PDB file of N, CA and C in Angstrom:
ATOM      1  N   CYS A   1       9.711   1.931  -5.804  1.00  0.00           N
ATOM      2  CA  CYS A   1       9.236   1.496  -4.504  1.00  0.00           C
ATOM      3  C   CYS A   1       9.269  -0.029  -4.443  1.00  0.00           C
ATOM      4  N   THR A   2       9.260  -0.539  -3.256  1.00  0.00           N
ATOM      5  CA  THR A   2       9.246  -1.977  -3.046  1.00  0.00           C
ATOM      6  C   THR A   2       8.162  -2.331  -2.037  1.00  0.00           C
ATOM      7  N   VAL A   3       7.541  -3.471  -2.234  1.00  0.00           N
ATOM      8  CA  VAL A   3       6.564  -3.975  -1.277  1.00  0.00           C
ATOM      9  C   VAL A   3       7.356  -4.691  -0.189  1.00  0.00           C
ATOM     10  N   ALA A   4       7.351  -4.133   1.008  1.00  0.00           N
ATOM     11  CA  ALA A   4       8.163  -4.666   2.099  1.00  0.00           C
ATOM     12  C   ALA A   4       7.480  -5.845   2.787  1.00  0.00           C
ATOM     13  N   HIS A   5       6.192  -5.706   3.103  1.00  0.00           N
ATOM     14  CA  HIS A   5       5.476  -6.756   3.831  1.00  0.00           C
ATOM     15  C   HIS A   5       4.039  -6.842   3.352  1.00  0.00           C
ATOM     16  N   LEU A   6       3.548  -8.048   3.220  1.00  0.00           N
ATOM     17  CA  LEU A   6       2.118  -8.276   3.032  1.00  0.00           C
ATOM     18  C   LEU A   6       1.571  -8.550   4.431  1.00  0.00           C
ATOM     19  N   ILE A   7       0.828  -7.614   4.962  1.00  0.00           N
ATOM     20  CA  ILE A   7       0.396  -7.693   6.354  1.00  0.00           C
ATOM     21  C   ILE A   7      -0.833  -8.580   6.518  1.00  0.00           C
ATOM     22  N   ALA A   8      -1.873  -8.349   5.710  1.00  0.00           N
ATOM     23  CA  ALA A   8      -3.101  -9.133   5.840  1.00  0.00           C
ATOM     24  C   ALA A   8      -3.896  -9.050   4.550  1.00  0.00           C
ATOM     25  N   GLN A   9      -4.725 -10.070   4.336  1.00  0.00           N
ATOM     26  CA  GLN A   9      -5.629 -10.095   3.182  1.00  0.00           C
ATOM     27  C   GLN A   9      -7.052 -10.142   3.710  1.00  0.00           C
ATOM     28  N   TYR A  10      -7.950  -9.369   3.072  1.00  0.00           N
ATOM     29  CA  TYR A  10      -9.330  -9.266   3.517  1.00  0.00           C
ATOM     30  C   TYR A  10     -10.285  -9.709   2.418  1.00  0.00           C
ATOM     31  N   ASP A  11     -11.472 -10.156   2.834  1.00  0.00           N
ATOM     32  CA  ASP A  11     -12.523 -10.481   1.886  1.00  0.00           C
ATOM     33  C   ASP A  11     -13.028  -9.172   1.285  1.00  0.00           C
ATOM     34  N   THR A  12     -13.068  -9.100  -0.039  1.00  0.00           N
ATOM     35  CA  THR A  12     -13.435  -7.864  -0.722  1.00  0.00           C
ATOM     36  C   THR A  12     -14.876  -7.457  -0.427  1.00  0.00           C
ATOM     37  N   ALA A  13     -15.783  -8.396  -0.337  1.00  0.00           N
ATOM     38  CA  ALA A  13     -17.196  -8.077  -0.128  1.00  0.00           C
ATOM     39  C   ALA A  13     -17.504  -7.693   1.316  1.00  0.00           C
ATOM     40  N   SER A  14     -17.034  -8.492   2.280  1.00  0.00           N
ATOM     41  CA  SER A  14     -17.409  -8.268   3.677  1.00  0.00           C
ATOM     42  C   SER A  14     -16.378  -7.474   4.473  1.00  0.00           C
ATOM     43  N   GLY A  15     -15.115  -7.464   4.035  1.00  0.00           N
ATOM     44  CA  GLY A  15     -14.060  -6.777   4.768  1.00  0.00           C
ATOM     45  C   GLY A  15     -13.479  -7.593   5.910  1.00  0.00           C
ATOM     46  N   GLU A  16     -13.893  -8.854   6.038  1.00  0.00           N
ATOM     47  CA  GLU A  16     -13.379  -9.713   7.100  1.00  0.00           C
ATOM     48  C   GLU A  16     -11.974 -10.215   6.766  1.00  0.00           C
ATOM     49  N   LEU A  17     -11.197 -10.438   7.803  1.00  0.00           N
ATOM     50  CA  LEU A  17      -9.840 -10.939   7.644  1.00  0.00           C
ATOM     51  C   LEU A  17      -9.864 -12.351   7.075  1.00  0.00           C
ATOM     52  N   VAL A  18      -9.124 -12.571   5.985  1.00  0.00           N
ATOM     53  CA  VAL A  18      -9.027 -13.895   5.371  1.00  0.00           C
ATOM     54  C   VAL A  18      -7.751 -14.581   5.824  1.00  0.00           C
ATOM     55  N   LYS A  19      -6.629 -13.848   5.801  1.00  0.00           N
ATOM     56  CA  LYS A  19      -5.343 -14.463   6.117  1.00  0.00           C
ATOM     57  C   LYS A  19      -4.359 -13.397   6.571  1.00  0.00           C
ATOM     58  N   ARG A  20      -3.602 -13.714   7.614  1.00  0.00           N
ATOM     59  CA  ARG A  20      -2.510 -12.835   8.047  1.00  0.00           C
ATOM     60  C   ARG A  20      -1.235 -13.268   7.334  1.00  0.00           C
ATOM     61  N   ARG A  21      -0.427 -12.299   6.956  1.00  0.00           N
ATOM     62  CA  ARG A  21       0.850 -12.529   6.278  1.00  0.00           C
ATOM     63  C   ARG A  21       0.720 -13.492   5.089  1.00  0.00           C
ATOM     64  N   PRO A  22      -0.102 -13.150   4.096  1.00  0.00           N
ATOM     65  CA  PRO A  22      -0.225 -14.029   2.928  1.00  0.00           C
ATOM     66  C   PRO A  22       1.064 -14.035   2.116  1.00  0.00           C
ATOM     67  N   ARG A  23       1.291 -15.105   1.378  1.00  0.00           N
ATOM     68  CA  ARG A  23       2.484 -15.203   0.531  1.00  0.00           C
ATOM     69  C   ARG A  23       2.323 -14.353  -0.717  1.00  0.00           C
ATOM     70  N   ARG A  24       1.083 -14.217  -1.193  1.00  0.00           N
ATOM     71  CA  ARG A  24       0.792 -13.383  -2.341  1.00  0.00           C
ATOM     72  C   ARG A  24      -0.642 -12.889  -2.220  1.00  0.00           C
ATOM     73  N   VAL A  25      -0.967 -11.860  -2.986  1.00  0.00           N
ATOM     74  CA  VAL A  25      -2.318 -11.315  -2.995  1.00  0.00           C
ATOM     75  C   VAL A  25      -2.889 -11.539  -4.392  1.00  0.00           C
ATOM     76  N   PRO A  26      -3.997 -12.288  -4.496  1.00  0.00           N
ATOM     77  CA  PRO A  26      -4.561 -12.568  -5.818  1.00  0.00           C
ATOM     78  C   PRO A  26      -5.157 -11.320  -6.462  1.00  0.00           C
ATOM     79  N   ARG A  27      -5.425 -11.409  -7.747  1.00  0.00           N
ATOM     80  CA  ARG A  27      -6.002 -10.307  -8.510  1.00  0.00           C
ATOM     81  C   ARG A  27      -7.356  -9.905  -7.919  1.00  0.00           C
ATOM     82  N   ASN A  28      -7.626  -8.599  -7.889  1.00  0.00           N
ATOM     83  CA  ASN A  28      -8.875  -8.021  -7.387  1.00  0.00           C
ATOM     84  C   ASN A  28      -9.120  -8.315  -5.914  1.00  0.00           C
ATOM     85  N   ALA A  29      -8.072  -8.481  -5.138  1.00  0.00           N
ATOM     86  CA  ALA A  29      -8.194  -8.738  -3.709  1.00  0.00           C
ATOM     87  C   ALA A  29      -7.884  -7.472  -2.922  1.00  0.00           C
ATOM     88  N   THR A  30      -8.263  -7.470  -1.657  1.00  0.00           N
ATOM     89  CA  THR A  30      -8.015  -6.357  -0.753  1.00  0.00           C
ATOM     90  C   THR A  30      -6.986  -6.795   0.287  1.00  0.00           C
ATOM     91  N   ALA A  31      -5.981  -5.928   0.536  1.00  0.00           N
ATOM     92  CA  ALA A  31      -4.923  -6.305   1.469  1.00  0.00           C
ATOM     93  C   ALA A  31      -4.315  -5.073   2.127  1.00  0.00           C
ATOM     94  N   ASP A  32      -3.713  -5.288   3.304  1.00  0.00           N
ATOM     95  CA  ASP A  32      -2.856  -4.298   3.951  1.00  0.00           C
ATOM     96  C   ASP A  32      -1.434  -4.620   3.545  1.00  0.00           C
ATOM     97  N   VAL A  33      -0.726  -3.616   3.026  1.00  0.00           N
ATOM     98  CA  VAL A  33       0.622  -3.816   2.504  1.00  0.00           C
ATOM     99  C   VAL A  33       1.515  -2.683   2.975  1.00  0.00           C
ATOM    100  N   GLN A  34       2.741  -3.009   3.372  1.00  0.00           N
ATOM    101  CA  GLN A  34       3.726  -1.981   3.698  1.00  0.00           C
ATOM    102  C   GLN A  34       4.591  -1.759   2.472  1.00  0.00           C
ATOM    103  N   ILE A  35       4.687  -0.493   2.050  1.00  0.00           N
ATOM    104  CA  ILE A  35       5.451  -0.132   0.862  1.00  0.00           C
ATOM    105  C   ILE A  35       6.579   0.797   1.271  1.00  0.00           C
ATOM    106  N   ASN A  36       7.795   0.510   0.828  1.00  0.00           N
ATOM    107  CA  ASN A  36       8.942   1.380   1.068  1.00  0.00           C
ATOM    108  C   ASN A  36       9.259   2.131  -0.214  1.00  0.00           C
ATOM    109  N   LEU A  37       9.416   3.437  -0.095  1.00  0.00           N
ATOM    110  CA  LEU A  37       9.719   4.283  -1.247  1.00  0.00           C
ATOM    111  C   LEU A  37      11.214   4.536  -1.331  1.00  0.00           C
ATOM    112  N   GLU A  38      11.709   4.656  -2.544  1.00  0.00           N
ATOM    113  CA  GLU A  38      13.133   4.899  -2.751  1.00  0.00           C
ATOM    114  C   GLU A  38      13.476   6.378  -2.699  1.00  0.00           C
ATOM    115  N   ARG A  39      12.489   7.234  -2.878  1.00  0.00           N
ATOM    116  CA  ARG A  39      12.709   8.681  -2.787  1.00  0.00           C
ATOM    117  C   ARG A  39      11.503   9.303  -2.101  1.00  0.00           C
ATOM    118  N   PHE A  40      11.650  10.551  -1.698  1.00  0.00           N
ATOM    119  CA  PHE A  40      10.577  11.229  -0.989  1.00  0.00           C
ATOM    120  C   PHE A  40       9.394  11.479  -1.909  1.00  0.00           C
ATOM    121  N   LEU A  41       8.214  11.364  -1.354  1.00  0.00           N
ATOM    122  CA  LEU A  41       6.983  11.533  -2.116  1.00  0.00           C
ATOM    123  C   LEU A  41       5.959  12.205  -1.213  1.00  0.00           C
ATOM    124  N   CYS A  42       5.209  13.145  -1.762  1.00  0.00           N
ATOM    125  CA  CYS A  42       4.198  13.858  -0.991  1.00  0.00           C
ATOM    126  C   CYS A  42       2.963  12.971  -0.844  1.00  0.00           C
ATOM    127  N   MET A  43       2.710  12.500   0.376  1.00  0.00           N
ATOM    128  CA  MET A  43       1.561  11.641   0.673  1.00  0.00           C
ATOM    129  C   MET A  43       0.990  12.038   2.020  1.00  0.00           C
ATOM    130  N   GLU A  44      -0.285  11.793   2.182  1.00  0.00           N
ATOM    131  CA  GLU A  44      -0.966  11.994   3.458  1.00  0.00           C
ATOM    132  C   GLU A  44      -1.872  10.799   3.690  1.00  0.00           C
ATOM    133  N   ALA A  45      -2.299  10.612   4.917  1.00  0.00           N
ATOM    134  CA  ALA A  45      -3.268   9.560   5.205  1.00  0.00           C
ATOM    135  C   ALA A  45      -4.597   9.931   4.562  1.00  0.00           C
ATOM    136  N   PHE A  46      -5.322   8.949   4.063  1.00  0.00           N
ATOM    137  CA  PHE A  46      -6.587   9.179   3.375  1.00  0.00           C
ATOM    138  C   PHE A  46      -7.587   9.884   4.288  1.00  0.00           C
ATOM    139  N   THR A  47      -7.570   9.573   5.573  1.00  0.00           N
ATOM    140  CA  THR A  47      -8.510  10.193   6.506  1.00  0.00           C
ATOM    141  C   THR A  47      -8.200  11.668   6.735  1.00  0.00           C
ATOM    142  N   ASP A  48      -6.931  12.084   6.549  1.00  0.00           N
ATOM    143  CA  ASP A  48      -6.539  13.475   6.757  1.00  0.00           C
ATOM    144  C   ASP A  48      -6.704  14.329   5.503  1.00  0.00           C
ATOM    145  N   PHE A  49      -6.348  13.786   4.351  1.00  0.00           N
ATOM    146  CA  PHE A  49      -6.378  14.555   3.100  1.00  0.00           C
ATOM    147  C   PHE A  49      -6.673  13.585   1.960  1.00  0.00           C
ATOM    148  N   ARG A  50      -7.916  13.543   1.535  1.00  0.00           N
ATOM    149  CA  ARG A  50      -8.368  12.516   0.590  1.00  0.00           C
ATOM    150  C   ARG A  50      -7.594  12.508  -0.729  1.00  0.00           C
ATOM    151  N   LYS A  51      -7.270  13.659  -1.278  1.00  0.00           N
ATOM    152  CA  LYS A  51      -6.611  13.707  -2.590  1.00  0.00           C
ATOM    153  C   LYS A  51      -5.175  13.202  -2.540  1.00  0.00           C
ATOM    154  N   LEU A  52      -4.486  13.398  -1.435  1.00  0.00           N
ATOM    155  CA  LEU A  52      -3.116  12.902  -1.297  1.00  0.00           C
ATOM    156  C   LEU A  52      -3.069  11.541  -0.613  1.00  0.00           C
ATOM    157  N   GLY A  53      -4.220  10.978  -0.301  1.00  0.00           N
ATOM    158  CA  GLY A  53      -4.286   9.707   0.403  1.00  0.00           C
ATOM    159  C   GLY A  53      -4.564   8.524  -0.495  1.00  0.00           C
ATOM    160  N   ARG A  54      -4.480   8.727  -1.805  1.00  0.00           N
ATOM    161  CA  ARG A  54      -4.681   7.621  -2.758  1.00  0.00           C
ATOM    162  C   ARG A  54      -3.385   7.380  -3.525  1.00  0.00           C
ATOM    163  N   PHE A  55      -3.204   6.164  -4.018  1.00  0.00           N
ATOM    164  CA  PHE A  55      -2.000   5.873  -4.794  1.00  0.00           C
ATOM    165  C   PHE A  55      -2.292   4.798  -5.831  1.00  0.00           C
ATOM    166  N   MET A  56      -1.405   4.706  -6.800  1.00  0.00           N
ATOM    167  CA  MET A  56      -1.423   3.643  -7.810  1.00  0.00           C
ATOM    168  C   MET A  56       0.011   3.173  -8.007  1.00  0.00           C
ATOM    169  N   LEU A  57       0.211   1.874  -8.079  1.00  0.00           N
ATOM    170  CA  LEU A  57       1.520   1.310  -8.401  1.00  0.00           C
ATOM    171  C   LEU A  57       1.454   0.795  -9.827  1.00  0.00           C
ATOM    172  N   ARG A  58       2.400   1.231 -10.646  1.00  0.00           N
ATOM    173  CA  ARG A  58       2.413   0.838 -12.057  1.00  0.00           C
ATOM    174  C   ARG A  58       3.757   0.204 -12.383  1.00  0.00           C
ATOM    175  N   ASP A  59       3.726  -0.789 -13.257  1.00  0.00           N
ATOM    176  CA  ASP A  59       4.929  -1.463 -13.720  1.00  0.00           C
ATOM    177  C   ASP A  59       4.843  -1.581 -15.235  1.00  0.00           C
ATOM    178  N   ARG A  60       5.757  -0.908 -15.924  1.00  0.00           N
ATOM    179  CA  ARG A  60       5.806  -0.907 -17.392  1.00  0.00           C
ATOM    180  C   ARG A  60       4.470  -0.527 -18.018  1.00  0.00           C
ATOM    181  N   GLY A  61       3.834   0.483 -17.462  1.00  0.00           N
ATOM    182  CA  GLY A  61       2.596   0.997 -18.025  1.00  0.00           C
ATOM    183  C   GLY A  61       1.342   0.251 -17.618  1.00  0.00           C
ATOM    184  N   VAL A  62       1.464  -0.753 -16.759  1.00  0.00           N
ATOM    185  CA  VAL A  62       0.318  -1.539 -16.313  1.00  0.00           C
ATOM    186  C   VAL A  62       0.091  -1.274 -14.825  1.00  0.00           C
ATOM    187  N   THR A  63      -1.131  -0.969 -14.448  1.00  0.00           N
ATOM    188  CA  THR A  63      -1.452  -0.762 -13.040  1.00  0.00           C
ATOM    189  C   THR A  63      -1.475  -2.108 -12.331  1.00  0.00           C
ATOM    190  N   VAL A  64      -0.637  -2.257 -11.303  1.00  0.00           N
ATOM    191  CA  VAL A  64      -0.575  -3.514 -10.562  1.00  0.00           C
ATOM    192  C   VAL A  64      -1.242  -3.404  -9.193  1.00  0.00           C
ATOM    193  N   ALA A  65      -1.444  -2.177  -8.709  1.00  0.00           N
ATOM    194  CA  ALA A  65      -2.115  -1.988  -7.422  1.00  0.00           C
ATOM    195  C   ALA A  65      -2.634  -0.554  -7.335  1.00  0.00           C
ATOM    196  N   ALA A  66      -3.700  -0.395  -6.585  1.00  0.00           N
ATOM    197  CA  ALA A  66      -4.265   0.919  -6.306  1.00  0.00           C
ATOM    198  C   ALA A  66      -4.851   0.863  -4.909  1.00  0.00           C
ATOM    199  N   GLY A  67      -4.820   1.974  -4.211  1.00  0.00           N
ATOM    200  CA  GLY A  67      -5.366   1.926  -2.866  1.00  0.00           C
ATOM    201  C   GLY A  67      -5.336   3.239  -2.142  1.00  0.00           C
ATOM    202  N   MET A  68      -5.510   3.135  -0.820  1.00  0.00           N
ATOM    203  CA  MET A  68      -5.541   4.289   0.058  1.00  0.00           C
ATOM    204  C   MET A  68      -4.411   4.186   1.071  1.00  0.00           C
ATOM    205  N   VAL A  69      -3.869   5.331   1.443  1.00  0.00           N
ATOM    206  CA  VAL A  69      -2.819   5.399   2.462  1.00  0.00           C
ATOM    207  C   VAL A  69      -3.503   5.397   3.821  1.00  0.00           C
ATOM    208  N   THR A  70      -3.210   4.389   4.650  1.00  0.00           N
ATOM    209  CA  THR A  70      -3.813   4.311   5.980  1.00  0.00           C
ATOM    210  C   THR A  70      -2.893   4.843   7.066  1.00  0.00           C
ATOM    211  N   ALA A  71      -1.585   4.754   6.859  1.00  0.00           N
ATOM    212  CA  ALA A  71      -0.616   5.239   7.842  1.00  0.00           C
ATOM    213  C   ALA A  71       0.680   5.571   7.125  1.00  0.00           C
ATOM    214  N   ILE A  72       1.411   6.526   7.682  1.00  0.00           N
ATOM    215  CA  ILE A  72       2.699   6.928   7.126  1.00  0.00           C
ATOM    216  C   ILE A  72       3.756   6.728   8.200  1.00  0.00           C
ATOM    217  N   GLY A  73       4.790   5.962   7.858  1.00  0.00           N
ATOM    218  CA  GLY A  73       5.880   5.710   8.797  1.00  0.00           C
ATOM    219  C   GLY A  73       6.867   6.853   8.801  1.00  0.00           C
ATOM    220  N   SER A  74       7.885   6.716   9.599  1.00  0.00           N
ATOM    221  CA  SER A  74       8.902   7.752   9.689  1.00  0.00           C
ATOM    222  C   SER A  74       9.807   7.714   8.465  1.00  0.00           C
ATOM    223  N   ALA A  75      10.273   8.876   8.052  1.00  0.00           N
ATOM    224  CA  ALA A  75      11.185   8.972   6.909  1.00  0.00           C
ATOM    225  C   ALA A  75      12.602   8.782   7.419  1.00  0.00           C
ATOM    226  N   ARG A  76      13.272   7.775   6.892  1.00  0.00           N
ATOM    227  CA  ARG A  76      14.672   7.518   7.265  1.00  0.00           C
ATOM    228  C   ARG A  76      15.528   7.867   6.069  1.00  0.00           C
ATOM    229  N   SER A  77      16.352   8.863   6.193  1.00  0.00           N
ATOM    230  CA  SER A  77      17.202   9.293   5.102  1.00  0.00           C
ATOM    231  C   SER A  77      18.455   8.426   5.031  1.00  0.00           C
ATOM    232  N   THR A  78      18.818   7.992   3.847  1.00  0.00           N
ATOM    233  CA  THR A  78      20.028   7.192   3.672  1.00  0.00           C
ATOM    234  C   THR A  78      21.183   8.046   3.166  1.00  0.00           C
ATOM    235  N   ARG A  79      20.912   9.317   2.884  1.00  0.00           N
ATOM    236  CA  ARG A  79      21.983  10.222   2.405  1.00  0.00           C
ATOM    237  C   ARG A  79      22.805  10.708   3.566  1.00  0.00           C
ATOM    238  N   LYS A  80      24.070  11.004   3.260  1.00  0.00           N
ATOM    239  CA  LYS A  80      24.964  11.563   4.300  1.00  0.00           C
ATOM    240  C   LYS A  80      25.483  12.898   3.850  1.00  0.00           C
TER     241      LYS A  80
END
């Protein structure tokens, strides 16, 4: 998967908007992020199905992000 857009960063304690379109998200921060997947994956919005609405991003055995699915975009197939 790839991180397509960093949409917004929020204050972890209060939930208030800190910055729109940040260049990076610091460690232990809260953010809205758009993620594009390279293959199909079974996911649901957290509000609809809690168990399928959580995710973790790992790189070489290290967790780099964890969160909740807030919205699911349309699936665009690149196969012909």
